[in-house]
Amino acid sequence: MEITTYFEEYEIGDTRETFGRTITETDFVVHAGHTGDFFPHHMDREFMAKSEFGQRIAHGTMVFAIGVGLSATVINPAAFSYGYDRLRFVRPVFIGDTIHTKLTIARKQDDPKRPGSGRVFEKVEVINQNDDVVLACEHIYIVERREENA
């Protein structure tokens, strides 16, 4: 779906939530293959059985990729991603956990490099089936203004 939303139209506090996605064994294997991260924390059941977690934990980068991917449902031709800040892996994610993403417009500011645009900061929370935040970060967008600042 495509919806054009300009900088002025973003409202602080607006929230949206995604549908859920259950993490699988296949996710672990495919992500390890893509990244080369075959550390035993993710791939060795026996190694992790002796750990404080008692089982393998998901790659943080995988949780980030899936959590952000769940939010990619609307194309805004007036905006593009400027990146992510303040990324934290708050709690472990395990095979069988179901995650979804909550996104909240946190703040807006002028873009010092682009007078015809502003920056929108979106709080991103990836949440498990127990309503625990497992990952948090901030997504920054560059968004066109309806009218350029004078």
Protein backbone atom coordinates (compact mmCIF):
# COMPACT_ATOMS: atom_id res chain seq x y z
CA MET A 1 0.00 0.00 0.00
CA GLU A 2 1.21 3.53 -0.76
CA ILE A 3 0.20 6.54 1.36
CA THR A 4 1.87 9.96 1.11
CA THR A 5 2.37 11.54 4.53
CA TYR A 6 4.26 14.83 4.83
CA PHE A 7 6.33 16.00 7.78
CA GLU A 8 3.59 18.30 9.08
CA GLU A 9 1.09 15.43 9.16
CA TYR A 10 3.02 13.25 11.62
CA GLU A 11 1.56 13.56 15.13
CA ILE A 12 3.64 12.97 18.25
CA GLY A 13 2.23 9.97 20.11
CA ASP A 14 0.63 8.28 17.08
CA THR A 15 1.12 4.53 17.45
CA ARG A 16 0.74 1.50 15.24
CA GLU A 17 1.29 -2.20 15.93
CA THR A 18 2.11 -5.04 13.56
CA PHE A 19 0.84 -8.57 13.40
CA GLY A 20 2.89 -11.29 15.11
CA ARG A 21 5.56 -13.63 13.80
CA THR A 22 6.76 -16.82 15.52
CA ILE A 23 10.52 -17.39 15.55
CA THR A 24 11.54 -20.81 14.19
CA GLU A 25 14.55 -23.10 14.01
CA THR A 26 14.72 -22.29 10.30
CA ASP A 27 15.05 -18.58 11.13
CA PHE A 28 18.13 -19.37 13.27
CA VAL A 29 19.76 -21.48 10.56
CA VAL A 30 19.04 -19.08 7.68
CA HIS A 31 20.18 -16.03 9.65
CA ALA A 32 23.40 -17.76 10.71
CA GLY A 33 24.03 -18.59 7.05
CA HIS A 34 23.39 -15.02 5.93
CA THR A 35 25.60 -13.44 8.60
CA GLY A 36 28.22 -16.10 9.25
CA ASP A 37 27.34 -15.97 12.96
CA PHE A 38 27.35 -19.62 13.97
CA PHE A 39 28.23 -18.89 17.60
CA PRO A 40 27.05 -21.62 20.00
CA HIS A 41 24.70 -19.15 21.72
CA HIS A 42 22.47 -19.48 18.67
CA MET A 43 23.35 -22.86 17.17
CA ASP A 44 24.44 -25.30 19.92
CA ARG A 45 21.60 -26.71 22.01
CA GLU A 46 23.93 -28.57 24.41
CA PHE A 47 26.16 -25.54 25.00
CA MET A 48 23.18 -23.33 25.84
CA ALA A 49 21.45 -25.98 27.99
CA LYS A 50 24.16 -25.27 30.57
CA SER A 51 23.72 -21.48 30.35
CA GLU A 52 21.54 -19.17 32.43
CA PHE A 53 19.05 -19.16 29.52
CA GLY A 54 18.75 -22.96 29.28
CA GLN A 55 18.25 -22.81 25.52
CA ARG A 56 19.54 -21.14 22.39
CA ILE A 57 18.92 -17.40 22.01
CA ALA A 58 18.05 -15.65 18.78
CA HIS A 59 20.62 -13.46 17.05
CA GLY A 60 19.93 -9.85 18.03
CA THR A 61 20.38 -8.81 14.42
CA MET A 62 17.75 -11.34 13.39
CA VAL A 63 15.23 -10.03 15.93
CA PHE A 64 15.97 -6.51 14.67
CA ALA A 65 15.55 -7.52 11.01
CA ILE A 66 12.30 -9.39 11.62
CA GLY A 67 10.90 -6.74 13.97
CA VAL A 68 11.60 -3.94 11.52
CA GLY A 69 10.44 -6.06 8.59
CA LEU A 70 7.07 -6.57 10.25
CA SER A 71 6.60 -2.79 10.21
CA ALA A 72 7.22 -2.44 6.47
CA THR A 73 3.59 -2.37 5.37
CA VAL A 74 3.12 1.12 3.90
CA ILE A 75 5.25 2.90 1.30
CA ASN A 76 5.48 6.65 1.88
CA PRO A 77 6.97 8.29 -1.24
CA ALA A 78 7.59 11.48 0.79
CA ALA A 79 9.87 9.73 3.31
CA PHE A 80 12.98 7.58 3.49
CA SER A 81 14.83 5.87 6.30
CA TYR A 82 17.81 7.80 7.67
CA GLY A 83 18.81 4.93 9.95
CA TYR A 84 18.43 3.61 13.47
CA ASP A 85 19.82 4.83 16.81
CA ARG A 86 19.79 3.63 20.40
CA LEU A 87 19.48 -0.07 19.51
CA ARG A 88 19.22 -2.29 22.58
CA PHE A 89 18.60 -6.02 22.96
CA VAL A 90 16.54 -5.87 26.15
CA ARG A 91 15.60 -9.54 26.63
CA PRO A 92 16.45 -12.80 24.87
CA VAL A 93 14.21 -14.28 22.19
CA PHE A 94 13.90 -18.05 21.84
CA ILE A 95 12.65 -20.50 19.23
CA GLY A 96 8.86 -20.57 19.57
CA ASP A 97 8.53 -16.98 20.78
CA THR A 98 6.08 -14.80 18.88
CA ILE A 99 7.09 -11.19 18.38
CA HIS A 100 5.31 -8.12 17.07
CA THR A 101 6.39 -4.50 16.77
CA LYS A 102 4.94 -1.35 18.30
CA LEU A 103 5.92 1.96 16.67
CA THR A 104 5.27 5.36 18.21
CA ILE A 105 6.06 8.79 16.76
CA ALA A 106 8.30 10.22 19.50
CA ARG A 107 9.45 13.58 18.16
CA LYS A 108 10.09 15.74 15.11
CA GLN A 109 12.73 18.28 14.23
CA ASP A 110 13.94 20.40 11.35
CA ASP A 111 16.53 18.74 9.14
CA PRO A 112 19.61 20.97 9.21
CA LYS A 113 20.81 19.64 5.83
CA ARG A 114 17.49 19.77 3.96
CA PRO A 115 15.24 22.82 4.41
CA GLY A 116 12.49 21.12 2.41
CA SER A 117 12.36 18.19 4.84
CA GLY A 118 12.20 17.36 8.52
CA ARG A 119 13.26 14.43 10.67
CA VAL A 120 10.69 12.16 12.28
CA PHE A 121 11.86 9.96 15.16
CA GLU A 122 9.87 6.77 15.70
CA LYS A 123 10.23 4.69 18.87
CA VAL A 124 10.44 1.02 17.89
CA GLU A 125 9.63 -1.72 20.41
CA VAL A 126 9.71 -5.39 19.53
CA ILE A 127 7.48 -7.22 21.99
CA ASN A 128 7.12 -10.94 22.75
CA GLN A 129 4.04 -13.02 23.53
CA ASN A 130 4.33 -12.10 27.23
CA ASP A 131 4.17 -8.37 26.41
CA ASP A 132 7.86 -7.97 27.31
CA VAL A 133 9.92 -5.57 25.22
CA VAL A 134 12.78 -7.64 23.78
CA LEU A 135 14.33 -4.99 21.52
CA ALA A 136 14.14 -1.21 21.46
CA CYS A 137 15.52 1.39 19.10
CA GLU A 138 14.73 4.64 17.36
CA HIS A 139 14.02 4.84 13.63
CA ILE A 140 14.80 8.16 11.98
CA TYR A 141 13.03 9.23 8.81
CA ILE A 142 13.72 12.15 6.50
CA VAL A 143 10.28 13.39 5.44
CA GLU A 144 9.42 16.02 2.84
CA ARG A 145 7.54 19.07 4.02
CA ARG A 146 4.33 20.02 2.30
CA GLU A 147 5.82 23.49 2.03
CA GLU A 148 9.51 24.38 2.41
CA ASN A 149 10.46 26.50 5.44
CA ALA A 150 10.80 30.20 4.69
